[in-house]
Amino acid sequence: MLESESISDYFAKVLAIYNHMKRYGEKETRVVEKILCSLQKKFHYVMVVIKESPNMDFFNIQGLMEKLQVQEKRVNKFQEDIGAQALL
């Protein structure tokens, strides 16, 4: 995942690849693990929490995307707030 890339753009690519992988029998949880390893540094602690979760086997791509989009909004809002405070 590129630093400038949004989660939505990234998942558009990932879902296209996942559909091909699914045809060859790849399990969704394995793909989720691969996605987690490819995330930007700003999502590192989210990745750790998800990987350590006892429910990792029940985690799907759609749920991961939703959680990461929420986190992306939080990070962007925080960066905007920091930028606004720097202008004061």
PDB file of N, CA and C in Angstrom:
ATOM      1  N   MET A   1       0.847  -1.174   0.000  1.00  0.00           N
ATOM      2  CA  MET A   1       0.000   0.000   0.000  1.00  0.00           C
ATOM      3  C   MET A   1       0.893   1.237   0.000  1.00  0.00           C
ATOM      4  N   LEU A   2       0.590   2.165  -0.863  1.00  0.00           N
ATOM      5  CA  LEU A   2       1.352   3.403  -0.954  1.00  0.00           C
ATOM      6  C   LEU A   2       0.929   4.375   0.142  1.00  0.00           C
ATOM      7  N   GLU A   3       1.842   5.225   0.567  1.00  0.00           N
ATOM      8  CA  GLU A   3       1.541   6.204   1.619  1.00  0.00           C
ATOM      9  C   GLU A   3       0.413   7.152   1.201  1.00  0.00           C
ATOM     10  N   SER A   4       0.367   7.506  -0.074  1.00  0.00           N
ATOM     11  CA  SER A   4      -0.631   8.465  -0.551  1.00  0.00           C
ATOM     12  C   SER A   4      -1.964   7.811  -0.914  1.00  0.00           C
ATOM     13  N   GLU A   5      -2.027   6.502  -0.853  1.00  0.00           N
ATOM     14  CA  GLU A   5      -3.209   5.751  -1.281  1.00  0.00           C
ATOM     15  C   GLU A   5      -4.236   5.654  -0.151  1.00  0.00           C
ATOM     16  N   SER A   6      -5.505   5.856  -0.489  1.00  0.00           N
ATOM     17  CA  SER A   6      -6.559   5.719   0.518  1.00  0.00           C
ATOM     18  C   SER A   6      -6.938   4.249   0.658  1.00  0.00           C
ATOM     19  N   ILE A   7      -7.579   3.943   1.769  1.00  0.00           N
ATOM     20  CA  ILE A   7      -8.038   2.563   2.016  1.00  0.00           C
ATOM     21  C   ILE A   7      -9.019   2.128   0.929  1.00  0.00           C
ATOM     22  N   SER A   8      -9.896   3.016   0.520  1.00  0.00           N
ATOM     23  CA  SER A   8     -10.892   2.676  -0.511  1.00  0.00           C
ATOM     24  C   SER A   8     -10.217   2.308  -1.828  1.00  0.00           C
ATOM     25  N   ASP A   9      -9.219   3.108  -2.226  1.00  0.00           N
ATOM     26  CA  ASP A   9      -8.497   2.813  -3.468  1.00  0.00           C
ATOM     27  C   ASP A   9      -7.735   1.496  -3.359  1.00  0.00           C
ATOM     28  N   TYR A  10      -7.110   1.305  -2.216  1.00  0.00           N
ATOM     29  CA  TYR A  10      -6.332   0.087  -2.001  1.00  0.00           C
ATOM     30  C   TYR A  10      -7.224  -1.149  -2.053  1.00  0.00           C
ATOM     31  N   PHE A  11      -8.375  -1.083  -1.389  1.00  0.00           N
ATOM     32  CA  PHE A  11      -9.272  -2.234  -1.362  1.00  0.00           C
ATOM     33  C   PHE A  11      -9.923  -2.504  -2.712  1.00  0.00           C
ATOM     34  N   ALA A  12     -10.050  -1.500  -3.547  1.00  0.00           N
ATOM     35  CA  ALA A  12     -10.555  -1.743  -4.900  1.00  0.00           C
ATOM     36  C   ALA A  12      -9.606  -2.686  -5.629  1.00  0.00           C
ATOM     37  N   LYS A  13      -8.307  -2.459  -5.480  1.00  0.00           N
ATOM     38  CA  LYS A  13      -7.311  -3.345  -6.094  1.00  0.00           C
ATOM     39  C   LYS A  13      -7.313  -4.721  -5.429  1.00  0.00           C
ATOM     40  N   VAL A  14      -7.356  -4.714  -4.097  1.00  0.00           N
ATOM     41  CA  VAL A  14      -7.285  -5.964  -3.336  1.00  0.00           C
ATOM     42  C   VAL A  14      -8.468  -6.869  -3.644  1.00  0.00           C
ATOM     43  N   LEU A  15      -9.652  -6.311  -3.745  1.00  0.00           N
ATOM     44  CA  LEU A  15     -10.835  -7.127  -4.010  1.00  0.00           C
ATOM     45  C   LEU A  15     -10.770  -7.780  -5.383  1.00  0.00           C
ATOM     46  N   ALA A  16     -10.206  -7.083  -6.357  1.00  0.00           N
ATOM     47  CA  ALA A  16     -10.052  -7.684  -7.684  1.00  0.00           C
ATOM     48  C   ALA A  16      -9.105  -8.884  -7.615  1.00  0.00           C
ATOM     49  N   ILE A  17      -8.016  -8.725  -6.889  1.00  0.00           N
ATOM     50  CA  ILE A  17      -7.059  -9.826  -6.727  1.00  0.00           C
ATOM     51  C   ILE A  17      -7.673 -10.959  -5.910  1.00  0.00           C
ATOM     52  N   TYR A  18      -8.400 -10.598  -4.844  1.00  0.00           N
ATOM     53  CA  TYR A  18      -9.026 -11.609  -3.987  1.00  0.00           C
ATOM     54  C   TYR A  18      -9.994 -12.490  -4.778  1.00  0.00           C
ATOM     55  N   ASN A  19     -10.756 -11.890  -5.675  1.00  0.00           N
ATOM     56  CA  ASN A  19     -11.710 -12.671  -6.467  1.00  0.00           C
ATOM     57  C   ASN A  19     -10.999 -13.739  -7.297  1.00  0.00           C
ATOM     58  N   HIS A  20      -9.831 -13.402  -7.816  1.00  0.00           N
ATOM     59  CA  HIS A  20      -9.045 -14.403  -8.558  1.00  0.00           C
ATOM     60  C   HIS A  20      -8.526 -15.484  -7.604  1.00  0.00           C
ATOM     61  N   MET A  21      -8.054 -15.069  -6.454  1.00  0.00           N
ATOM     62  CA  MET A  21      -7.513 -16.025  -5.486  1.00  0.00           C
ATOM     63  C   MET A  21      -8.593 -16.977  -4.985  1.00  0.00           C
ATOM     64  N   LYS A  22      -9.796 -16.446  -4.815  1.00  0.00           N
ATOM     65  CA  LYS A  22     -10.911 -17.263  -4.325  1.00  0.00           C
ATOM     66  C   LYS A  22     -11.241 -18.390  -5.305  1.00  0.00           C
ATOM     67  N   ARG A  23     -11.099 -18.093  -6.574  1.00  0.00           N
ATOM     68  CA  ARG A  23     -11.350 -19.117  -7.590  1.00  0.00           C
ATOM     69  C   ARG A  23     -10.393 -20.293  -7.462  1.00  0.00           C
ATOM     70  N   TYR A  24      -9.208 -20.011  -6.948  1.00  0.00           N
ATOM     71  CA  TYR A  24      -8.202 -21.068  -6.784  1.00  0.00           C
ATOM     72  C   TYR A  24      -8.216 -21.669  -5.384  1.00  0.00           C
ATOM     73  N   GLY A  25      -9.237 -21.340  -4.587  1.00  0.00           N
ATOM     74  CA  GLY A  25      -9.418 -21.983  -3.300  1.00  0.00           C
ATOM     75  C   GLY A  25      -8.734 -21.316  -2.124  1.00  0.00           C
ATOM     76  N   GLU A  26      -8.218 -20.104  -2.307  1.00  0.00           N
ATOM     77  CA  GLU A  26      -7.567 -19.396  -1.189  1.00  0.00           C
ATOM     78  C   GLU A  26      -8.621 -19.010  -0.156  1.00  0.00           C
ATOM     79  N   LYS A  27      -8.304 -19.233   1.111  1.00  0.00           N
ATOM     80  CA  LYS A  27      -9.241 -18.912   2.183  1.00  0.00           C
ATOM     81  C   LYS A  27      -9.205 -17.420   2.496  1.00  0.00           C
ATOM     82  N   GLU A  28     -10.369 -16.896   2.860  1.00  0.00           N
ATOM     83  CA  GLU A  28     -10.493 -15.460   3.104  1.00  0.00           C
ATOM     84  C   GLU A  28      -9.630 -15.007   4.274  1.00  0.00           C
ATOM     85  N   THR A  29      -9.536 -15.808   5.319  1.00  0.00           N
ATOM     86  CA  THR A  29      -8.717 -15.402   6.469  1.00  0.00           C
ATOM     87  C   THR A  29      -7.241 -15.279   6.079  1.00  0.00           C
ATOM     88  N   ARG A  30      -6.790 -16.105   5.174  1.00  0.00           N
ATOM     89  CA  ARG A  30      -5.399 -16.024   4.703  1.00  0.00           C
ATOM     90  C   ARG A  30      -5.182 -14.725   3.928  1.00  0.00           C
ATOM     91  N   VAL A  31      -6.159 -14.332   3.130  1.00  0.00           N
ATOM     92  CA  VAL A  31      -6.067 -13.078   2.378  1.00  0.00           C
ATOM     93  C   VAL A  31      -6.086 -11.894   3.337  1.00  0.00           C
ATOM     94  N   VAL A  32      -6.920 -11.954   4.376  1.00  0.00           N
ATOM     95  CA  VAL A  32      -6.963 -10.889   5.386  1.00  0.00           C
ATOM     96  C   VAL A  32      -5.589 -10.739   6.031  1.00  0.00           C
ATOM     97  N   GLU A  33      -4.943 -11.837   6.356  1.00  0.00           N
ATOM     98  CA  GLU A  33      -3.602 -11.786   6.949  1.00  0.00           C
ATOM     99  C   GLU A  33      -2.613 -11.120   6.001  1.00  0.00           C
ATOM    100  N   LYS A  34      -2.706 -11.423   4.728  1.00  0.00           N
ATOM    101  CA  LYS A  34      -1.811 -10.820   3.738  1.00  0.00           C
ATOM    102  C   LYS A  34      -2.064  -9.328   3.610  1.00  0.00           C
ATOM    103  N   ILE A  35      -3.326  -8.939   3.655  1.00  0.00           N
ATOM    104  CA  ILE A  35      -3.665  -7.513   3.585  1.00  0.00           C
ATOM    105  C   ILE A  35      -3.079  -6.785   4.796  1.00  0.00           C
ATOM    106  N   LEU A  36      -3.228  -7.362   5.966  1.00  0.00           N
ATOM    107  CA  LEU A  36      -2.723  -6.729   7.183  1.00  0.00           C
ATOM    108  C   LEU A  36      -1.215  -6.490   7.098  1.00  0.00           C
ATOM    109  N   CYS A  37      -0.504  -7.408   6.495  1.00  0.00           N
ATOM    110  CA  CYS A  37       0.957  -7.271   6.367  1.00  0.00           C
ATOM    111  C   CYS A  37       1.357  -6.187   5.383  1.00  0.00           C
ATOM    112  N   SER A  38       0.447  -5.782   4.505  1.00  0.00           N
ATOM    113  CA  SER A  38       0.787  -4.819   3.461  1.00  0.00           C
ATOM    114  C   SER A  38       0.353  -3.385   3.779  1.00  0.00           C
ATOM    115  N   LEU A  39      -0.171  -3.153   4.969  1.00  0.00           N
ATOM    116  CA  LEU A  39      -0.701  -1.834   5.298  1.00  0.00           C
ATOM    117  C   LEU A  39       0.388  -0.814   5.597  1.00  0.00           C
ATOM    118  N   GLN A  40       0.014   0.451   5.528  1.00  0.00           N
ATOM    119  CA  GLN A  40       0.907   1.556   5.859  1.00  0.00           C
ATOM    120  C   GLN A  40       1.241   1.537   7.353  1.00  0.00           C
ATOM    121  N   LYS A  41       2.302   2.252   7.712  1.00  0.00           N
ATOM    122  CA  LYS A  41       2.729   2.317   9.106  1.00  0.00           C
ATOM    123  C   LYS A  41       1.644   2.893  10.020  1.00  0.00           C
ATOM    124  N   LYS A  42       0.841   3.811   9.512  1.00  0.00           N
ATOM    125  CA  LYS A  42      -0.170   4.430  10.366  1.00  0.00           C
ATOM    126  C   LYS A  42      -1.259   3.452  10.811  1.00  0.00           C
ATOM    127  N   PHE A  43      -1.316   2.284  10.185  1.00  0.00           N
ATOM    128  CA  PHE A  43      -2.275   1.255  10.567  1.00  0.00           C
ATOM    129  C   PHE A  43      -1.624   0.110  11.344  1.00  0.00           C
ATOM    130  N   HIS A  44      -0.368   0.266  11.716  1.00  0.00           N
ATOM    131  CA  HIS A  44       0.376  -0.823  12.347  1.00  0.00           C
ATOM    132  C   HIS A  44      -0.291  -1.316  13.636  1.00  0.00           C
ATOM    133  N   TYR A  45      -0.673  -0.396  14.511  1.00  0.00           N
ATOM    134  CA  TYR A  45      -1.253  -0.857  15.771  1.00  0.00           C
ATOM    135  C   TYR A  45      -2.628  -1.477  15.579  1.00  0.00           C
ATOM    136  N   VAL A  46      -3.359  -1.067  14.551  1.00  0.00           N
ATOM    137  CA  VAL A  46      -4.641  -1.703  14.234  1.00  0.00           C
ATOM    138  C   VAL A  46      -4.376  -3.136  13.779  1.00  0.00           C
ATOM    139  N   MET A  47      -3.339  -3.309  12.974  1.00  0.00           N
ATOM    140  CA  MET A  47      -2.963  -4.633  12.495  1.00  0.00           C
ATOM    141  C   MET A  47      -2.637  -5.551  13.669  1.00  0.00           C
ATOM    142  N   VAL A  48      -1.882  -5.045  14.629  1.00  0.00           N
ATOM    143  CA  VAL A  48      -1.495  -5.854  15.780  1.00  0.00           C
ATOM    144  C   VAL A  48      -2.722  -6.283  16.571  1.00  0.00           C
ATOM    145  N   VAL A  49      -3.638  -5.364  16.812  1.00  0.00           N
ATOM    146  CA  VAL A  49      -4.855  -5.674  17.572  1.00  0.00           C
ATOM    147  C   VAL A  49      -5.684  -6.738  16.856  1.00  0.00           C
ATOM    148  N   ILE A  50      -5.834  -6.602  15.550  1.00  0.00           N
ATOM    149  CA  ILE A  50      -6.630  -7.562  14.791  1.00  0.00           C
ATOM    150  C   ILE A  50      -5.959  -8.931  14.781  1.00  0.00           C
ATOM    151  N   LYS A  51      -4.650  -8.952  14.570  1.00  0.00           N
ATOM    152  CA  LYS A  51      -3.936 -10.236  14.527  1.00  0.00           C
ATOM    153  C   LYS A  51      -3.977 -10.957  15.867  1.00  0.00           C
ATOM    154  N   GLU A  52      -3.966 -10.214  16.957  1.00  0.00           N
ATOM    155  CA  GLU A  52      -3.984 -10.822  18.286  1.00  0.00           C
ATOM    156  C   GLU A  52      -5.392 -11.174  18.750  1.00  0.00           C
ATOM    157  N   SER A  53      -6.379 -10.764  17.986  1.00  0.00           N
ATOM    158  CA  SER A  53      -7.768 -11.033  18.342  1.00  0.00           C
ATOM    159  C   SER A  53      -8.061 -12.533  18.285  1.00  0.00           C
ATOM    160  N   PRO A  54      -8.777 -13.053  19.293  1.00  0.00           N
ATOM    161  CA  PRO A  54      -9.128 -14.476  19.264  1.00  0.00           C
ATOM    162  C   PRO A  54     -10.137 -14.802  18.154  1.00  0.00           C
ATOM    163  N   ASN A  55     -10.777 -13.778  17.591  1.00  0.00           N
ATOM    164  CA  ASN A  55     -11.771 -13.978  16.543  1.00  0.00           C
ATOM    165  C   ASN A  55     -11.193 -13.781  15.142  1.00  0.00           C
ATOM    166  N   MET A  56      -9.896 -13.867  15.009  1.00  0.00           N
ATOM    167  CA  MET A  56      -9.256 -13.644  13.716  1.00  0.00           C
ATOM    168  C   MET A  56      -9.807 -14.580  12.639  1.00  0.00           C
ATOM    169  N   ASP A  57     -10.149 -15.792  12.993  1.00  0.00           N
ATOM    170  CA  ASP A  57     -10.665 -16.754  12.020  1.00  0.00           C
ATOM    171  C   ASP A  57     -12.017 -16.342  11.449  1.00  0.00           C
ATOM    172  N   PHE A  58     -12.731 -15.471  12.154  1.00  0.00           N
ATOM    173  CA  PHE A  58     -14.050 -15.052  11.704  1.00  0.00           C
ATOM    174  C   PHE A  58     -14.023 -13.674  11.051  1.00  0.00           C
ATOM    175  N   PHE A  59     -12.841 -13.115  10.877  1.00  0.00           N
ATOM    176  CA  PHE A  59     -12.696 -11.786  10.301  1.00  0.00           C
ATOM    177  C   PHE A  59     -12.739 -11.891   8.787  1.00  0.00           C
ATOM    178  N   ASN A  60     -13.544 -11.056   8.142  1.00  0.00           N
ATOM    179  CA  ASN A  60     -13.625 -11.100   6.689  1.00  0.00           C
ATOM    180  C   ASN A  60     -13.087  -9.804   6.078  1.00  0.00           C
ATOM    181  N   ILE A  61     -12.947  -9.806   4.781  1.00  0.00           N
ATOM    182  CA  ILE A  61     -12.363  -8.661   4.085  1.00  0.00           C
ATOM    183  C   ILE A  61     -13.228  -7.427   4.234  1.00  0.00           C
ATOM    184  N   GLN A  62     -14.526  -7.576   4.138  1.00  0.00           N
ATOM    185  CA  GLN A  62     -15.440  -6.433   4.257  1.00  0.00           C
ATOM    186  C   GLN A  62     -15.323  -5.802   5.643  1.00  0.00           C
ATOM    187  N   GLY A  63     -15.290  -6.617   6.682  1.00  0.00           N
ATOM    188  CA  GLY A  63     -15.140  -6.099   8.044  1.00  0.00           C
ATOM    189  C   GLY A  63     -13.820  -5.388   8.238  1.00  0.00           C
ATOM    190  N   LEU A  64     -12.760  -5.941   7.664  1.00  0.00           N
ATOM    191  CA  LEU A  64     -11.450  -5.310   7.746  1.00  0.00           C
ATOM    192  C   LEU A  64     -11.461  -3.956   7.048  1.00  0.00           C
ATOM    193  N   MET A  65     -12.037  -3.901   5.874  1.00  0.00           N
ATOM    194  CA  MET A  65     -12.102  -2.653   5.133  1.00  0.00           C
ATOM    195  C   MET A  65     -12.849  -1.582   5.923  1.00  0.00           C
ATOM    196  N   GLU A  66     -13.966  -1.948   6.522  1.00  0.00           N
ATOM    197  CA  GLU A  66     -14.745  -0.992   7.305  1.00  0.00           C
ATOM    198  C   GLU A  66     -13.950  -0.460   8.497  1.00  0.00           C
ATOM    199  N   LYS A  67     -13.273  -1.344   9.212  1.00  0.00           N
ATOM    200  CA  LYS A  67     -12.481  -0.926  10.362  1.00  0.00           C
ATOM    201  C   LYS A  67     -11.330  -0.004   9.944  1.00  0.00           C
ATOM    202  N   LEU A  68     -10.698  -0.319   8.842  1.00  0.00           N
ATOM    203  CA  LEU A  68      -9.580   0.500   8.376  1.00  0.00           C
ATOM    204  C   LEU A  68     -10.053   1.852   7.837  1.00  0.00           C
ATOM    205  N   GLN A  69     -11.224   1.911   7.237  1.00  0.00           N
ATOM    206  CA  GLN A  69     -11.764   3.189   6.776  1.00  0.00           C
ATOM    207  C   GLN A  69     -12.069   4.101   7.959  1.00  0.00           C
ATOM    208  N   VAL A  70     -12.613   3.540   9.020  1.00  0.00           N
ATOM    209  CA  VAL A  70     -12.884   4.323  10.228  1.00  0.00           C
ATOM    210  C   VAL A  70     -11.572   4.853  10.804  1.00  0.00           C
ATOM    211  N   GLN A  71     -10.564   3.986  10.860  1.00  0.00           N
ATOM    212  CA  GLN A  71      -9.272   4.404  11.392  1.00  0.00           C
ATOM    213  C   GLN A  71      -8.633   5.482  10.509  1.00  0.00           C
ATOM    214  N   GLU A  72      -8.763   5.336   9.207  1.00  0.00           N
ATOM    215  CA  GLU A  72      -8.213   6.332   8.289  1.00  0.00           C
ATOM    216  C   GLU A  72      -8.858   7.694   8.530  1.00  0.00           C
ATOM    217  N   LYS A  73     -10.168   7.722   8.745  1.00  0.00           N
ATOM    218  CA  LYS A  73     -10.862   8.978   9.032  1.00  0.00           C
ATOM    219  C   LYS A  73     -10.367   9.590  10.331  1.00  0.00           C
ATOM    220  N   ARG A  74     -10.138   8.748  11.350  1.00  0.00           N
ATOM    221  CA  ARG A  74      -9.620   9.248  12.622  1.00  0.00           C
ATOM    222  C   ARG A  74      -8.235   9.873  12.451  1.00  0.00           C
ATOM    223  N   VAL A  75      -7.377   9.180  11.733  1.00  0.00           N
ATOM    224  CA  VAL A  75      -6.008   9.670  11.524  1.00  0.00           C
ATOM    225  C   VAL A  75      -6.040  10.979  10.743  1.00  0.00           C
ATOM    226  N   ASN A  76      -6.839  11.041   9.696  1.00  0.00           N
ATOM    227  CA  ASN A  76      -6.935  12.268   8.893  1.00  0.00           C
ATOM    228  C   ASN A  76      -7.492  13.421   9.713  1.00  0.00           C
ATOM    229  N   LYS A  77      -8.491  13.161  10.535  1.00  0.00           N
ATOM    230  CA  LYS A  77      -9.071  14.199  11.391  1.00  0.00           C
ATOM    231  C   LYS A  77      -8.032  14.691  12.390  1.00  0.00           C
ATOM    232  N   PHE A  78      -7.281  13.771  12.980  1.00  0.00           N
ATOM    233  CA  PHE A  78      -6.242  14.133  13.932  1.00  0.00           C
ATOM    234  C   PHE A  78      -5.189  15.005  13.253  1.00  0.00           C
ATOM    235  N   GLN A  79      -4.774  14.643  12.051  1.00  0.00           N
ATOM    236  CA  GLN A  79      -3.774  15.417  11.324  1.00  0.00           C
ATOM    237  C   GLN A  79      -4.299  16.803  10.968  1.00  0.00           C
ATOM    238  N   GLU A  80      -5.579  16.896  10.629  1.00  0.00           N
ATOM    239  CA  GLU A  80      -6.184  18.198  10.347  1.00  0.00           C
ATOM    240  C   GLU A  80      -6.212  19.063  11.598  1.00  0.00           C
ATOM    241  N   ASP A  81      -6.571  18.450  12.732  1.00  0.00           N
ATOM    242  CA  ASP A  81      -6.615  19.199  13.994  1.00  0.00           C
ATOM    243  C   ASP A  81      -5.235  19.700  14.385  1.00  0.00           C
ATOM    244  N   ILE A  82      -4.222  18.868  14.207  1.00  0.00           N
ATOM    245  CA  ILE A  82      -2.843  19.267  14.515  1.00  0.00           C
ATOM    246  C   ILE A  82      -2.425  20.417  13.605  1.00  0.00           C
ATOM    247  N   GLY A  83      -2.769  20.321  12.327  1.00  0.00           N
ATOM    248  CA  GLY A  83      -2.440  21.380  11.374  1.00  0.00           C
ATOM    249  C   GLY A  83      -3.137  22.676  11.716  1.00  0.00           C
ATOM    250  N   ALA A  84      -4.388  22.616  12.142  1.00  0.00           N
ATOM    251  CA  ALA A  84      -5.138  23.807  12.511  1.00  0.00           C
ATOM    252  C   ALA A  84      -4.555  24.440  13.771  1.00  0.00           C
ATOM    253  N   GLN A  85      -4.120  23.633  14.709  1.00  0.00           N
ATOM    254  CA  GLN A  85      -3.522  24.170  15.934  1.00  0.00           C
ATOM    255  C   GLN A  85      -2.182  24.821  15.653  1.00  0.00           C
ATOM    256  N   ALA A  86      -1.457  24.306  14.677  1.00  0.00           N
ATOM    257  CA  ALA A  86      -0.156  24.886  14.326  1.00  0.00           C
ATOM    258  C   ALA A  86      -0.314  26.274  13.726  1.00  0.00           C
ATOM    259  N   LEU A  87      -1.450  26.522  13.084  1.00  0.00           N
ATOM    260  CA  LEU A  87      -1.703  27.836  12.489  1.00  0.00           C
ATOM    261  C   LEU A  87      -2.063  28.881  13.530  1.00  0.00           C
ATOM    262  N   LEU A  88      -2.492  28.454  14.705  1.00  0.00           N
ATOM    263  CA  LEU A  88      -2.903  29.420  15.744  1.00  0.00           C
ATOM    264  C   LEU A  88      -1.756  30.044  16.379  1.00  0.00           C
TER     265      LEU A  88
END
